[in-house]
Amino acid sequence: MKFLLTYQGKPNQAPPTPQKMAAIGAFTQKNIAAGIVKLTGGLVRPTQGIKLRCENGKASVTDGPFAETKELIDGFALVEVASKEEAIRMATEFMELAGDGDGEILQVFDMGDGQPPR
């Protein structure tokens, strides 16, 4: 099962210390080596962003920056694990390393999986 794990730090939070970054890096490298983490990254700040919208079959593109970007994520990881519970365990461990903030766990479907889960 594949999951997208996201993390958003608290607004105006101090940047992570070098020690915290080292711990996050070790956690990430351990899980990459184990074949669990498939992709990880973060967003460049300040983000300009591009919004896409499709209405009545016509797509439009709007370049940022946008004044209301409250729900921007700081980082993400695409993981492949055996169960939702394992994804929760990984996300919980990461958040305890990263510090105060919010996250999401979203199950990912790709064409190699066959039919999307319902």
PDB file of N, CA and C in Angstrom:
ATOM      1  N   MET A   1       0.847  -1.174   0.000  1.00  0.00           N
ATOM      2  CA  MET A   1       0.000   0.000   0.000  1.00  0.00           C
ATOM      3  C   MET A   1       0.895   1.240   0.000  1.00  0.00           C
ATOM      4  N   LYS A   2       0.494   2.212  -0.785  1.00  0.00           N
ATOM      5  CA  LYS A   2       1.258   3.454  -0.857  1.00  0.00           C
ATOM      6  C   LYS A   2       0.469   4.577  -0.175  1.00  0.00           C
ATOM      7  N   PHE A   3       1.219   5.428   0.530  1.00  0.00           N
ATOM      8  CA  PHE A   3       0.611   6.551   1.228  1.00  0.00           C
ATOM      9  C   PHE A   3       1.469   7.794   1.025  1.00  0.00           C
ATOM     10  N   LEU A   4       0.810   8.938   0.935  1.00  0.00           N
ATOM     11  CA  LEU A   4       1.480  10.226   0.930  1.00  0.00           C
ATOM     12  C   LEU A   4       1.344  10.798   2.338  1.00  0.00           C
ATOM     13  N   LEU A   5       2.464  11.016   2.993  1.00  0.00           N
ATOM     14  CA  LEU A   5       2.482  11.591   4.336  1.00  0.00           C
ATOM     15  C   LEU A   5       2.897  13.045   4.197  1.00  0.00           C
ATOM     16  N   THR A   6       2.144  13.942   4.791  1.00  0.00           N
ATOM     17  CA  THR A   6       2.489  15.359   4.716  1.00  0.00           C
ATOM     18  C   THR A   6       2.724  15.914   6.112  1.00  0.00           C
ATOM     19  N   TYR A   7       3.488  16.996   6.161  1.00  0.00           N
ATOM     20  CA  TYR A   7       3.779  17.678   7.425  1.00  0.00           C
ATOM     21  C   TYR A   7       3.730  19.179   7.193  1.00  0.00           C
ATOM     22  N   GLN A   8       3.084  19.864   8.105  1.00  0.00           N
ATOM     23  CA  GLN A   8       3.020  21.328   8.080  1.00  0.00           C
ATOM     24  C   GLN A   8       3.353  21.821   9.475  1.00  0.00           C
ATOM     25  N   GLY A   9       4.482  22.523   9.605  1.00  0.00           N
ATOM     26  CA  GLY A   9       4.868  23.079  10.893  1.00  0.00           C
ATOM     27  C   GLY A   9       3.943  24.210  11.300  1.00  0.00           C
ATOM     28  N   LYS A  10       3.984  24.556  12.556  1.00  0.00           N
ATOM     29  CA  LYS A  10       3.174  25.665  13.058  1.00  0.00           C
ATOM     30  C   LYS A  10       3.663  26.982  12.453  1.00  0.00           C
ATOM     31  N   PRO A  11       2.744  27.912  12.182  1.00  0.00           N
ATOM     32  CA  PRO A  11       3.157  29.213  11.626  1.00  0.00           C
ATOM     33  C   PRO A  11       4.150  29.917  12.552  1.00  0.00           C
ATOM     34  N   ASN A  12       5.098  30.594  11.963  1.00  0.00           N
ATOM     35  CA  ASN A  12       6.117  31.364  12.696  1.00  0.00           C
ATOM     36  C   ASN A  12       6.976  30.510  13.625  1.00  0.00           C
ATOM     37  N   GLN A  13       7.021  29.212  13.351  1.00  0.00           N
ATOM     38  CA  GLN A  13       7.857  28.299  14.140  1.00  0.00           C
ATOM     39  C   GLN A  13       9.312  28.503  13.751  1.00  0.00           C
ATOM     40  N   ALA A  14      10.196  28.433  14.716  1.00  0.00           N
ATOM     41  CA  ALA A  14      11.630  28.564  14.425  1.00  0.00           C
ATOM     42  C   ALA A  14      12.070  27.409  13.530  1.00  0.00           C
ATOM     43  N   PRO A  15      13.055  27.650  12.679  1.00  0.00           N
ATOM     44  CA  PRO A  15      13.570  26.560  11.844  1.00  0.00           C
ATOM     45  C   PRO A  15      14.133  25.439  12.711  1.00  0.00           C
ATOM     46  N   PRO A  16      14.150  24.219  12.188  1.00  0.00           N
ATOM     47  CA  PRO A  16      14.701  23.105  12.975  1.00  0.00           C
ATOM     48  C   PRO A  16      16.180  23.315  13.281  1.00  0.00           C
ATOM     49  N   THR A  17      16.580  22.850  14.446  1.00  0.00           N
ATOM     50  CA  THR A  17      17.994  22.923  14.831  1.00  0.00           C
ATOM     51  C   THR A  17      18.796  21.934  13.983  1.00  0.00           C
ATOM     52  N   PRO A  18      20.112  22.118  13.923  1.00  0.00           N
ATOM     53  CA  PRO A  18      20.938  21.135  13.205  1.00  0.00           C
ATOM     54  C   PRO A  18      20.773  19.719  13.771  1.00  0.00           C
ATOM     55  N   GLN A  19      20.607  19.596  15.085  1.00  0.00           N
ATOM     56  CA  GLN A  19      20.417  18.284  15.704  1.00  0.00           C
ATOM     57  C   GLN A  19      19.103  17.652  15.244  1.00  0.00           C
ATOM     58  N   LYS A  20      18.048  18.470  15.194  1.00  0.00           N
ATOM     59  CA  LYS A  20      16.747  17.961  14.752  1.00  0.00           C
ATOM     60  C   LYS A  20      16.820  17.545  13.286  1.00  0.00           C
ATOM     61  N   MET A  21      17.479  18.356  12.452  1.00  0.00           N
ATOM     62  CA  MET A  21      17.623  18.007  11.038  1.00  0.00           C
ATOM     63  C   MET A  21      18.418  16.711  10.872  1.00  0.00           C
ATOM     64  N   ALA A  22      19.438  16.513  11.698  1.00  0.00           N
ATOM     65  CA  ALA A  22      20.229  15.276  11.635  1.00  0.00           C
ATOM     66  C   ALA A  22      19.363  14.076  12.008  1.00  0.00           C
ATOM     67  N   ALA A  23      18.522  14.214  13.027  1.00  0.00           N
ATOM     68  CA  ALA A  23      17.640  13.118  13.433  1.00  0.00           C
ATOM     69  C   ALA A  23      16.622  12.797  12.346  1.00  0.00           C
ATOM     70  N   ILE A  24      16.056  13.837  11.736  1.00  0.00           N
ATOM     71  CA  ILE A  24      15.101  13.639  10.638  1.00  0.00           C
ATOM     72  C   ILE A  24      15.807  12.975   9.453  1.00  0.00           C
ATOM     73  N   GLY A  25      17.028  13.426   9.153  1.00  0.00           N
ATOM     74  CA  GLY A  25      17.796  12.832   8.066  1.00  0.00           C
ATOM     75  C   GLY A  25      18.100  11.361   8.307  1.00  0.00           C
ATOM     76  N   ALA A  26      18.478  11.009   9.539  1.00  0.00           N
ATOM     77  CA  ALA A  26      18.768   9.611   9.869  1.00  0.00           C
ATOM     78  C   ALA A  26      17.511   8.748   9.741  1.00  0.00           C
ATOM     79  N   PHE A  27      16.392   9.253  10.223  1.00  0.00           N
ATOM     80  CA  PHE A  27      15.113   8.536  10.112  1.00  0.00           C
ATOM     81  C   PHE A  27      14.772   8.304   8.641  1.00  0.00           C
ATOM     82  N   THR A  28      14.918   9.348   7.832  1.00  0.00           N
ATOM     83  CA  THR A  28      14.595   9.255   6.411  1.00  0.00           C
ATOM     84  C   THR A  28      15.522   8.278   5.704  1.00  0.00           C
ATOM     85  N   GLN A  29      16.829   8.388   5.943  1.00  0.00           N
ATOM     86  CA  GLN A  29      17.795   7.499   5.289  1.00  0.00           C
ATOM     87  C   GLN A  29      17.569   6.040   5.673  1.00  0.00           C
ATOM     88  N   LYS A  30      17.239   5.794   6.940  1.00  0.00           N
ATOM     89  CA  LYS A  30      16.956   4.426   7.396  1.00  0.00           C
ATOM     90  C   LYS A  30      15.781   3.844   6.611  1.00  0.00           C
ATOM     91  N   ASN A  31      14.747   4.653   6.399  1.00  0.00           N
ATOM     92  CA  ASN A  31      13.551   4.163   5.710  1.00  0.00           C
ATOM     93  C   ASN A  31      13.724   4.110   4.195  1.00  0.00           C
ATOM     94  N   ILE A  32      14.602   4.941   3.640  1.00  0.00           N
ATOM     95  CA  ILE A  32      14.942   4.815   2.217  1.00  0.00           C
ATOM     96  C   ILE A  32      15.706   3.508   2.007  1.00  0.00           C
ATOM     97  N   ALA A  33      16.683   3.237   2.871  1.00  0.00           N
ATOM     98  CA  ALA A  33      17.484   2.013   2.758  1.00  0.00           C
ATOM     99  C   ALA A  33      16.616   0.761   2.909  1.00  0.00           C
ATOM    100  N   ALA A  34      15.570   0.856   3.718  1.00  0.00           N
ATOM    101  CA  ALA A  34      14.663  -0.286   3.923  1.00  0.00           C
ATOM    102  C   ALA A  34      13.665  -0.432   2.776  1.00  0.00           C
ATOM    103  N   GLY A  35      13.669   0.517   1.832  1.00  0.00           N
ATOM    104  CA  GLY A  35      12.757   0.444   0.696  1.00  0.00           C
ATOM    105  C   GLY A  35      11.355   0.939   0.998  1.00  0.00           C
ATOM    106  N   ILE A  36      11.176   1.592   2.142  1.00  0.00           N
ATOM    107  CA  ILE A  36       9.849   2.078   2.549  1.00  0.00           C
ATOM    108  C   ILE A  36       9.578   3.454   1.953  1.00  0.00           C
ATOM    109  N   VAL A  37      10.526   4.372   2.102  1.00  0.00           N
ATOM    110  CA  VAL A  37      10.354   5.716   1.563  1.00  0.00           C
ATOM    111  C   VAL A  37      10.766   5.701   0.095  1.00  0.00           C
ATOM    112  N   LYS A  38       9.825   6.071  -0.763  1.00  0.00           N
ATOM    113  CA  LYS A  38      10.064   6.085  -2.208  1.00  0.00           C
ATOM    114  C   LYS A  38      10.475   7.456  -2.707  1.00  0.00           C
ATOM    115  N   LEU A  39       9.976   8.506  -2.056  1.00  0.00           N
ATOM    116  CA  LEU A  39      10.249   9.880  -2.465  1.00  0.00           C
ATOM    117  C   LEU A  39       9.977  10.773  -1.270  1.00  0.00           C
ATOM    118  N   THR A  40      10.808  11.773  -1.088  1.00  0.00           N
ATOM    119  CA  THR A  40      10.586  12.723  -0.008  1.00  0.00           C
ATOM    120  C   THR A  40      11.066  14.094  -0.452  1.00  0.00           C
ATOM    121  N   GLY A  41      10.506  15.124   0.143  1.00  0.00           N
ATOM    122  CA  GLY A  41      10.909  16.470  -0.220  1.00  0.00           C
ATOM    123  C   GLY A  41      10.126  17.500   0.554  1.00  0.00           C
ATOM    124  N   GLY A  42      10.331  18.735   0.162  1.00  0.00           N
ATOM    125  CA  GLY A  42       9.637  19.849   0.790  1.00  0.00           C
ATOM    126  C   GLY A  42       9.399  20.933  -0.232  1.00  0.00           C
ATOM    127  N   LEU A  43       8.704  21.957   0.171  1.00  0.00           N
ATOM    128  CA  LEU A  43       8.414  23.071  -0.716  1.00  0.00           C
ATOM    129  C   LEU A  43       9.430  24.178  -0.528  1.00  0.00           C
ATOM    130  N   VAL A  44       9.803  24.810  -1.624  1.00  0.00           N
ATOM    131  CA  VAL A  44      10.726  25.933  -1.593  1.00  0.00           C
ATOM    132  C   VAL A  44       9.971  27.142  -1.050  1.00  0.00           C
ATOM    133  N   ARG A  45      10.582  27.870  -0.138  1.00  0.00           N
ATOM    134  CA  ARG A  45       9.959  29.072   0.422  1.00  0.00           C
ATOM    135  C   ARG A  45      10.678  30.297  -0.090  1.00  0.00           C
ATOM    136  N   PRO A  46      10.093  31.399  -0.353  1.00  0.00           N
ATOM    137  CA  PRO A  46       8.635  31.529  -0.411  1.00  0.00           C
ATOM    138  C   PRO A  46       8.118  30.915  -1.700  1.00  0.00           C
ATOM    139  N   THR A  47       6.986  30.275  -1.597  1.00  0.00           N
ATOM    140  CA  THR A  47       6.445  29.606  -2.768  1.00  0.00           C
ATOM    141  C   THR A  47       5.588  30.558  -3.589  1.00  0.00           C
ATOM    142  N   GLN A  48       5.763  30.500  -4.851  1.00  0.00           N
ATOM    143  CA  GLN A  48       4.942  31.304  -5.757  1.00  0.00           C
ATOM    144  C   GLN A  48       3.656  30.557  -6.071  1.00  0.00           C
ATOM    145  N   GLY A  49       3.751  29.283  -6.328  1.00  0.00           N
ATOM    146  CA  GLY A  49       2.578  28.472  -6.600  1.00  0.00           C
ATOM    147  C   GLY A  49       1.904  28.779  -7.922  1.00  0.00           C
ATOM    148  N   ILE A  50       1.200  27.814  -8.410  1.00  0.00           N
ATOM    149  CA  ILE A  50       0.385  27.932  -9.610  1.00  0.00           C
ATOM    150  C   ILE A  50      -0.913  27.200  -9.307  1.00  0.00           C
ATOM    151  N   LYS A  51      -2.029  27.851  -9.530  1.00  0.00           N
ATOM    152  CA  LYS A  51      -3.335  27.216  -9.322  1.00  0.00           C
ATOM    153  C   LYS A  51      -3.926  26.829 -10.662  1.00  0.00           C
ATOM    154  N   LEU A  52      -4.527  25.663 -10.686  1.00  0.00           N
ATOM    155  CA  LEU A  52      -5.210  25.171 -11.870  1.00  0.00           C
ATOM    156  C   LEU A  52      -6.679  24.984 -11.541  1.00  0.00           C
ATOM    157  N   ARG A  53      -7.517  25.298 -12.499  1.00  0.00           N
ATOM    158  CA  ARG A  53      -8.959  25.105 -12.319  1.00  0.00           C
ATOM    159  C   ARG A  53      -9.520  24.672 -13.663  1.00  0.00           C
ATOM    160  N   CYS A  54     -10.464  23.750 -13.608  1.00  0.00           N
ATOM    161  CA  CYS A  54     -11.140  23.330 -14.835  1.00  0.00           C
ATOM    162  C   CYS A  54     -12.636  23.493 -14.607  1.00  0.00           C
ATOM    163  N   GLU A  55     -13.258  24.269 -15.467  1.00  0.00           N
ATOM    164  CA  GLU A  55     -14.700  24.491 -15.410  1.00  0.00           C
ATOM    165  C   GLU A  55     -15.266  24.322 -16.811  1.00  0.00           C
ATOM    166  N   ASN A  56     -16.329  23.532 -16.893  1.00  0.00           N
ATOM    167  CA  ASN A  56     -16.987  23.285 -18.174  1.00  0.00           C
ATOM    168  C   ASN A  56     -16.005  22.805 -19.238  1.00  0.00           C
ATOM    169  N   GLY A  57     -15.056  21.958 -18.823  1.00  0.00           N
ATOM    170  CA  GLY A  57     -14.104  21.387 -19.757  1.00  0.00           C
ATOM    171  C   GLY A  57     -12.978  22.303 -20.177  1.00  0.00           C
ATOM    172  N   LYS A  58     -12.900  23.517 -19.621  1.00  0.00           N
ATOM    173  CA  LYS A  58     -11.869  24.490 -20.000  1.00  0.00           C
ATOM    174  C   LYS A  58     -10.941  24.725 -18.806  1.00  0.00           C
ATOM    175  N   ALA A  59      -9.642  24.449 -18.993  1.00  0.00           N
ATOM    176  CA  ALA A  59      -8.671  24.624 -17.916  1.00  0.00           C
ATOM    177  C   ALA A  59      -8.121  26.046 -17.926  1.00  0.00           C
ATOM    178  N   SER A  60      -7.871  26.571 -16.722  1.00  0.00           N
ATOM    179  CA  SER A  60      -7.230  27.880 -16.591  1.00  0.00           C
ATOM    180  C   SER A  60      -6.080  27.753 -15.603  1.00  0.00           C
ATOM    181  N   VAL A  61      -5.077  28.612 -15.779  1.00  0.00           N
ATOM    182  CA  VAL A  61      -3.878  28.607 -14.954  1.00  0.00           C
ATOM    183  C   VAL A  61      -3.697  30.003 -14.375  1.00  0.00           C
ATOM    184  N   THR A  62      -3.454  30.077 -13.056  1.00  0.00           N
ATOM    185  CA  THR A  62      -3.207  31.346 -12.387  1.00  0.00           C
ATOM    186  C   THR A  62      -1.894  31.246 -11.632  1.00  0.00           C
ATOM    187  N   ASP A  63      -0.954  32.143 -11.920  1.00  0.00           N
ATOM    188  CA  ASP A  63       0.327  32.175 -11.216  1.00  0.00           C
ATOM    189  C   ASP A  63       0.173  32.904  -9.892  1.00  0.00           C
ATOM    190  N   GLY A  64       0.941  32.467  -8.850  1.00  0.00           N
ATOM    191  CA  GLY A  64       0.960  33.123  -7.559  1.00  0.00           C
ATOM    192  C   GLY A  64       1.932  34.283  -7.584  1.00  0.00           C
ATOM    193  N   PRO A  65       2.283  34.865  -6.448  1.00  0.00           N
ATOM    194  CA  PRO A  65       1.972  34.349  -5.123  1.00  0.00           C
ATOM    195  C   PRO A  65       0.520  34.610  -4.724  1.00  0.00           C
ATOM    196  N   PHE A  66       0.058  33.836  -3.783  1.00  0.00           N
ATOM    197  CA  PHE A  66      -1.306  33.945  -3.304  1.00  0.00           C
ATOM    198  C   PHE A  66      -1.289  34.391  -1.847  1.00  0.00           C
ATOM    199  N   ALA A  67      -2.155  35.303  -1.513  1.00  0.00           N
ATOM    200  CA  ALA A  67      -2.193  35.856  -0.154  1.00  0.00           C
ATOM    201  C   ALA A  67      -2.614  34.812   0.869  1.00  0.00           C
ATOM    202  N   GLU A  68      -3.508  33.925   0.519  1.00  0.00           N
ATOM    203  CA  GLU A  68      -4.044  32.948   1.470  1.00  0.00           C
ATOM    204  C   GLU A  68      -3.442  31.574   1.222  1.00  0.00           C
ATOM    205  N   THR A  69      -2.238  31.346   1.700  1.00  0.00           N
ATOM    206  CA  THR A  69      -1.616  30.027   1.573  1.00  0.00           C
ATOM    207  C   THR A  69      -1.421  29.437   2.968  1.00  0.00           C
ATOM    208  N   LYS A  70      -2.503  29.316   3.712  1.00  0.00           N
ATOM    209  CA  LYS A  70      -2.445  28.834   5.089  1.00  0.00           C
ATOM    210  C   LYS A  70      -2.243  27.329   5.177  1.00  0.00           C
ATOM    211  N   GLU A  71      -2.635  26.600   4.152  1.00  0.00           N
ATOM    212  CA  GLU A  71      -2.587  25.151   4.229  1.00  0.00           C
ATOM    213  C   GLU A  71      -1.435  24.571   3.418  1.00  0.00           C
ATOM    214  N   LEU A  72      -0.361  25.319   3.306  1.00  0.00           N
ATOM    215  CA  LEU A  72       0.806  24.876   2.569  1.00  0.00           C
ATOM    216  C   LEU A  72       1.552  23.823   3.373  1.00  0.00           C
ATOM    217  N   ILE A  73       2.006  22.763   2.717  1.00  0.00           N
ATOM    218  CA  ILE A  73       2.784  21.761   3.432  1.00  0.00           C
ATOM    219  C   ILE A  73       4.256  22.141   3.412  1.00  0.00           C
ATOM    220  N   ASP A  74       4.977  21.739   4.456  1.00  0.00           N
ATOM    221  CA  ASP A  74       6.413  21.965   4.519  1.00  0.00           C
ATOM    222  C   ASP A  74       7.167  20.800   3.897  1.00  0.00           C
ATOM    223  N   GLY A  75       6.660  19.598   4.096  1.00  0.00           N
ATOM    224  CA  GLY A  75       7.356  18.427   3.597  1.00  0.00           C
ATOM    225  C   GLY A  75       6.396  17.287   3.331  1.00  0.00           C
ATOM    226  N   PHE A  76       6.907  16.293   2.583  1.00  0.00           N
ATOM    227  CA  PHE A  76       6.088  15.128   2.253  1.00  0.00           C
ATOM    228  C   PHE A  76       6.983  13.914   2.080  1.00  0.00           C
ATOM    229  N   ALA A  77       6.388  12.746   2.178  1.00  0.00           N
ATOM    230  CA  ALA A  77       7.073  11.499   1.859  1.00  0.00           C
ATOM    231  C   ALA A  77       6.065  10.566   1.211  1.00  0.00           C
ATOM    232  N   LEU A  78       6.487   9.906   0.162  1.00  0.00           N
ATOM    233  CA  LEU A  78       5.695   8.847  -0.448  1.00  0.00           C
ATOM    234  C   LEU A  78       6.280   7.547   0.071  1.00  0.00           C
ATOM    235  N   VAL A  79       5.456   6.763   0.746  1.00  0.00           N
ATOM    236  CA  VAL A  79       5.940   5.523   1.364  1.00  0.00           C
ATOM    237  C   VAL A  79       5.144   4.338   0.839  1.00  0.00           C
ATOM    238  N   GLU A  80       5.771   3.176   0.908  1.00  0.00           N
ATOM    239  CA  GLU A  80       5.084   1.931   0.570  1.00  0.00           C
ATOM    240  C   GLU A  80       5.218   1.013   1.773  1.00  0.00           C
ATOM    241  N   VAL A  81       4.087   0.702   2.383  1.00  0.00           N
ATOM    242  CA  VAL A  81       4.051  -0.103   3.600  1.00  0.00           C
ATOM    243  C   VAL A  81       2.967  -1.173   3.470  1.00  0.00           C
ATOM    244  N   ALA A  82       2.932  -2.087   4.428  1.00  0.00           N
ATOM    245  CA  ALA A  82       2.006  -3.209   4.370  1.00  0.00           C
ATOM    246  C   ALA A  82       0.581  -2.848   4.791  1.00  0.00           C
ATOM    247  N   SER A  83       0.439  -1.763   5.568  1.00  0.00           N
ATOM    248  CA  SER A  83      -0.893  -1.464   6.099  1.00  0.00           C
ATOM    249  C   SER A  83      -1.031   0.009   6.448  1.00  0.00           C
ATOM    250  N   LYS A  84      -2.273   0.426   6.633  1.00  0.00           N
ATOM    251  CA  LYS A  84      -2.558   1.794   7.084  1.00  0.00           C
ATOM    252  C   LYS A  84      -1.939   2.025   8.464  1.00  0.00           C
ATOM    253  N   GLU A  85      -1.977   1.004   9.301  1.00  0.00           N
ATOM    254  CA  GLU A  85      -1.414   1.128  10.649  1.00  0.00           C
ATOM    255  C   GLU A  85       0.086   1.413  10.605  1.00  0.00           C
ATOM    256  N   GLU A  86       0.792   0.797   9.651  1.00  0.00           N
ATOM    257  CA  GLU A  86       2.218   1.059   9.520  1.00  0.00           C
ATOM    258  C   GLU A  86       2.464   2.491   9.035  1.00  0.00           C
ATOM    259  N   ALA A  87       1.605   2.978   8.148  1.00  0.00           N
ATOM    260  CA  ALA A  87       1.717   4.373   7.696  1.00  0.00           C
ATOM    261  C   ALA A  87       1.498   5.323   8.871  1.00  0.00           C
ATOM    262  N   ILE A  88       0.543   5.021   9.717  1.00  0.00           N
ATOM    263  CA  ILE A  88       0.279   5.848  10.908  1.00  0.00           C
ATOM    264  C   ILE A  88       1.491   5.829  11.834  1.00  0.00           C
ATOM    265  N   ARG A  89       2.086   4.658  12.031  1.00  0.00           N
ATOM    266  CA  ARG A  89       3.263   4.548  12.897  1.00  0.00           C
ATOM    267  C   ARG A  89       4.415   5.398  12.350  1.00  0.00           C
ATOM    268  N   MET A  90       4.655   5.297  11.035  1.00  0.00           N
ATOM    269  CA  MET A  90       5.736   6.086  10.435  1.00  0.00           C
ATOM    270  C   MET A  90       5.480   7.579  10.561  1.00  0.00           C
ATOM    271  N   ALA A  91       4.266   8.008  10.250  1.00  0.00           N
ATOM    272  CA  ALA A  91       3.925   9.428  10.313  1.00  0.00           C
ATOM    273  C   ALA A  91       4.047   9.948  11.742  1.00  0.00           C
ATOM    274  N   THR A  92       3.617   9.152  12.705  1.00  0.00           N
ATOM    275  CA  THR A  92       3.701   9.545  14.110  1.00  0.00           C
ATOM    276  C   THR A  92       5.154   9.701  14.543  1.00  0.00           C
ATOM    277  N   GLU A  93       5.986   8.740  14.161  1.00  0.00           N
ATOM    278  CA  GLU A  93       7.407   8.815  14.516  1.00  0.00           C
ATOM    279  C   GLU A  93       8.060  10.048  13.885  1.00  0.00           C
ATOM    280  N   PHE A  94       7.736  10.315  12.626  1.00  0.00           N
ATOM    281  CA  PHE A  94       8.298  11.491  11.966  1.00  0.00           C
ATOM    282  C   PHE A  94       7.862  12.772  12.667  1.00  0.00           C
ATOM    283  N   MET A  95       6.564  12.884  12.970  1.00  0.00           N
ATOM    284  CA  MET A  95       6.064  14.122  13.585  1.00  0.00           C
ATOM    285  C   MET A  95       6.680  14.356  14.952  1.00  0.00           C
ATOM    286  N   GLU A  96       6.944  13.286  15.695  1.00  0.00           N
ATOM    287  CA  GLU A  96       7.597  13.448  16.992  1.00  0.00           C
ATOM    288  C   GLU A  96       9.021  13.965  16.821  1.00  0.00           C
ATOM    289  N   LEU A  97       9.675  13.607  15.708  1.00  0.00           N
ATOM    290  CA  LEU A  97      11.005  14.149  15.403  1.00  0.00           C
ATOM    291  C   LEU A  97      10.915  15.592  14.920  1.00  0.00           C
ATOM    292  N   ALA A  98       9.970  15.864  14.011  1.00  0.00           N
ATOM    293  CA  ALA A  98       9.867  17.176  13.361  1.00  0.00           C
ATOM    294  C   ALA A  98       9.364  18.255  14.312  1.00  0.00           C
ATOM    295  N   GLY A  99       8.488  17.902  15.217  1.00  0.00           N
ATOM    296  CA  GLY A  99       7.981  18.888  16.168  1.00  0.00           C
ATOM    297  C   GLY A  99       6.552  19.294  15.886  1.00  0.00           C
ATOM    298  N   ASP A 100       6.092  20.296  16.613  1.00  0.00           N
ATOM    299  CA  ASP A 100       4.706  20.730  16.546  1.00  0.00           C
ATOM    300  C   ASP A 100       4.286  21.022  15.113  1.00  0.00           C
ATOM    301  N   GLY A 101       3.109  20.578  14.781  1.00  0.00           N
ATOM    302  CA  GLY A 101       2.582  20.808  13.445  1.00  0.00           C
ATOM    303  C   GLY A 101       1.426  19.873  13.162  1.00  0.00           C
ATOM    304  N   ASP A 102       1.020  19.839  11.922  1.00  0.00           N
ATOM    305  CA  ASP A 102      -0.085  19.007  11.479  1.00  0.00           C
ATOM    306  C   ASP A 102       0.374  18.153  10.313  1.00  0.00           C
ATOM    307  N   GLY A 103      -0.299  17.034  10.138  1.00  0.00           N
ATOM    308  CA  GLY A 103       0.037  16.158   9.027  1.00  0.00           C
ATOM    309  C   GLY A 103      -1.193  15.461   8.501  1.00  0.00           C
ATOM    310  N   GLU A 104      -1.002  14.829   7.371  1.00  0.00           N
ATOM    311  CA  GLU A 104      -2.062  14.033   6.766  1.00  0.00           C
ATOM    312  C   GLU A 104      -1.462  12.753   6.238  1.00  0.00           C
ATOM    313  N   ILE A 105      -2.276  11.719   6.209  1.00  0.00           N
ATOM    314  CA  ILE A 105      -1.915  10.439   5.609  1.00  0.00           C
ATOM    315  C   ILE A 105      -2.968  10.167   4.553  1.00  0.00           C
ATOM    316  N   LEU A 106      -2.531  10.130   3.296  1.00  0.00           N
ATOM    317  CA  LEU A 106      -3.450   9.939   2.183  1.00  0.00           C
ATOM    318  C   LEU A 106      -3.037   8.700   1.404  1.00  0.00           C
ATOM    319  N   GLN A 107      -3.952   7.747   1.232  1.00  0.00           N
ATOM    320  CA  GLN A 107      -3.611   6.562   0.452  1.00  0.00           C
ATOM    321  C   GLN A 107      -3.493   6.945  -1.018  1.00  0.00           C
ATOM    322  N   VAL A 108      -2.467   6.418  -1.665  1.00  0.00           N
ATOM    323  CA  VAL A 108      -2.162   6.741  -3.054  1.00  0.00           C
ATOM    324  C   VAL A 108      -2.509   5.545  -3.933  1.00  0.00           C
ATOM    325  N   PHE A 109      -3.109   5.824  -5.057  1.00  0.00           N
ATOM    326  CA  PHE A 109      -3.416   4.819  -6.067  1.00  0.00           C
ATOM    327  C   PHE A 109      -2.567   5.118  -7.291  1.00  0.00           C
ATOM    328  N   ASP A 110      -1.952   4.077  -7.855  1.00  0.00           N
ATOM    329  CA  ASP A 110      -1.310   4.271  -9.153  1.00  0.00           C
ATOM    330  C   ASP A 110      -1.774   3.165 -10.093  1.00  0.00           C
ATOM    331  N   MET A 111      -1.550   3.375 -11.373  1.00  0.00           N
ATOM    332  CA  MET A 111      -2.092   2.476 -12.388  1.00  0.00           C
ATOM    333  C   MET A 111      -1.640   1.029 -12.208  1.00  0.00           C
ATOM    334  N   GLY A 112      -0.469   0.816 -11.630  1.00  0.00           N
ATOM    335  CA  GLY A 112       0.022  -0.540 -11.392  1.00  0.00           C
ATOM    336  C   GLY A 112      -0.758  -1.274 -10.324  1.00  0.00           C
ATOM    337  N   ASP A 113      -1.585  -0.569  -9.567  1.00  0.00           N
ATOM    338  CA  ASP A 113      -2.348  -1.191  -8.477  1.00  0.00           C
ATOM    339  C   ASP A 113      -3.644  -1.830  -8.948  1.00  0.00           C
ATOM    340  N   GLY A 114      -4.020  -1.657 -10.205  1.00  0.00           N
ATOM    341  CA  GLY A 114      -5.307  -2.158 -10.679  1.00  0.00           C
ATOM    342  C   GLY A 114      -6.394  -1.138 -10.391  1.00  0.00           C
ATOM    343  N   GLN A 115      -7.496  -1.588  -9.859  1.00  0.00           N
ATOM    344  CA  GLN A 115      -8.624  -0.718  -9.555  1.00  0.00           C
ATOM    345  C   GLN A 115      -8.373   0.090  -8.292  1.00  0.00           C
ATOM    346  N   PRO A 116      -8.816   1.349  -8.254  1.00  0.00           N
ATOM    347  CA  PRO A 116      -8.646   2.138  -7.030  1.00  0.00           C
ATOM    348  C   PRO A 116      -9.421   1.516  -5.875  1.00  0.00           C
ATOM    349  N   PRO A 117      -8.873   1.577  -4.642  1.00  0.00           N
ATOM    350  CA  PRO A 117      -9.617   1.074  -3.492  1.00  0.00           C
ATOM    351  C   PRO A 117     -10.868   1.890  -3.241  1.00  0.00           C
ATOM    352  N   ARG A 118     -11.879   1.268  -2.754  1.00  0.00           N
ATOM    353  CA  ARG A 118     -13.141   1.955  -2.454  1.00  0.00           C
ATOM    354  C   ARG A 118     -13.350   2.054  -0.978  1.00  0.00           C
TER     355      ARG A 118
END
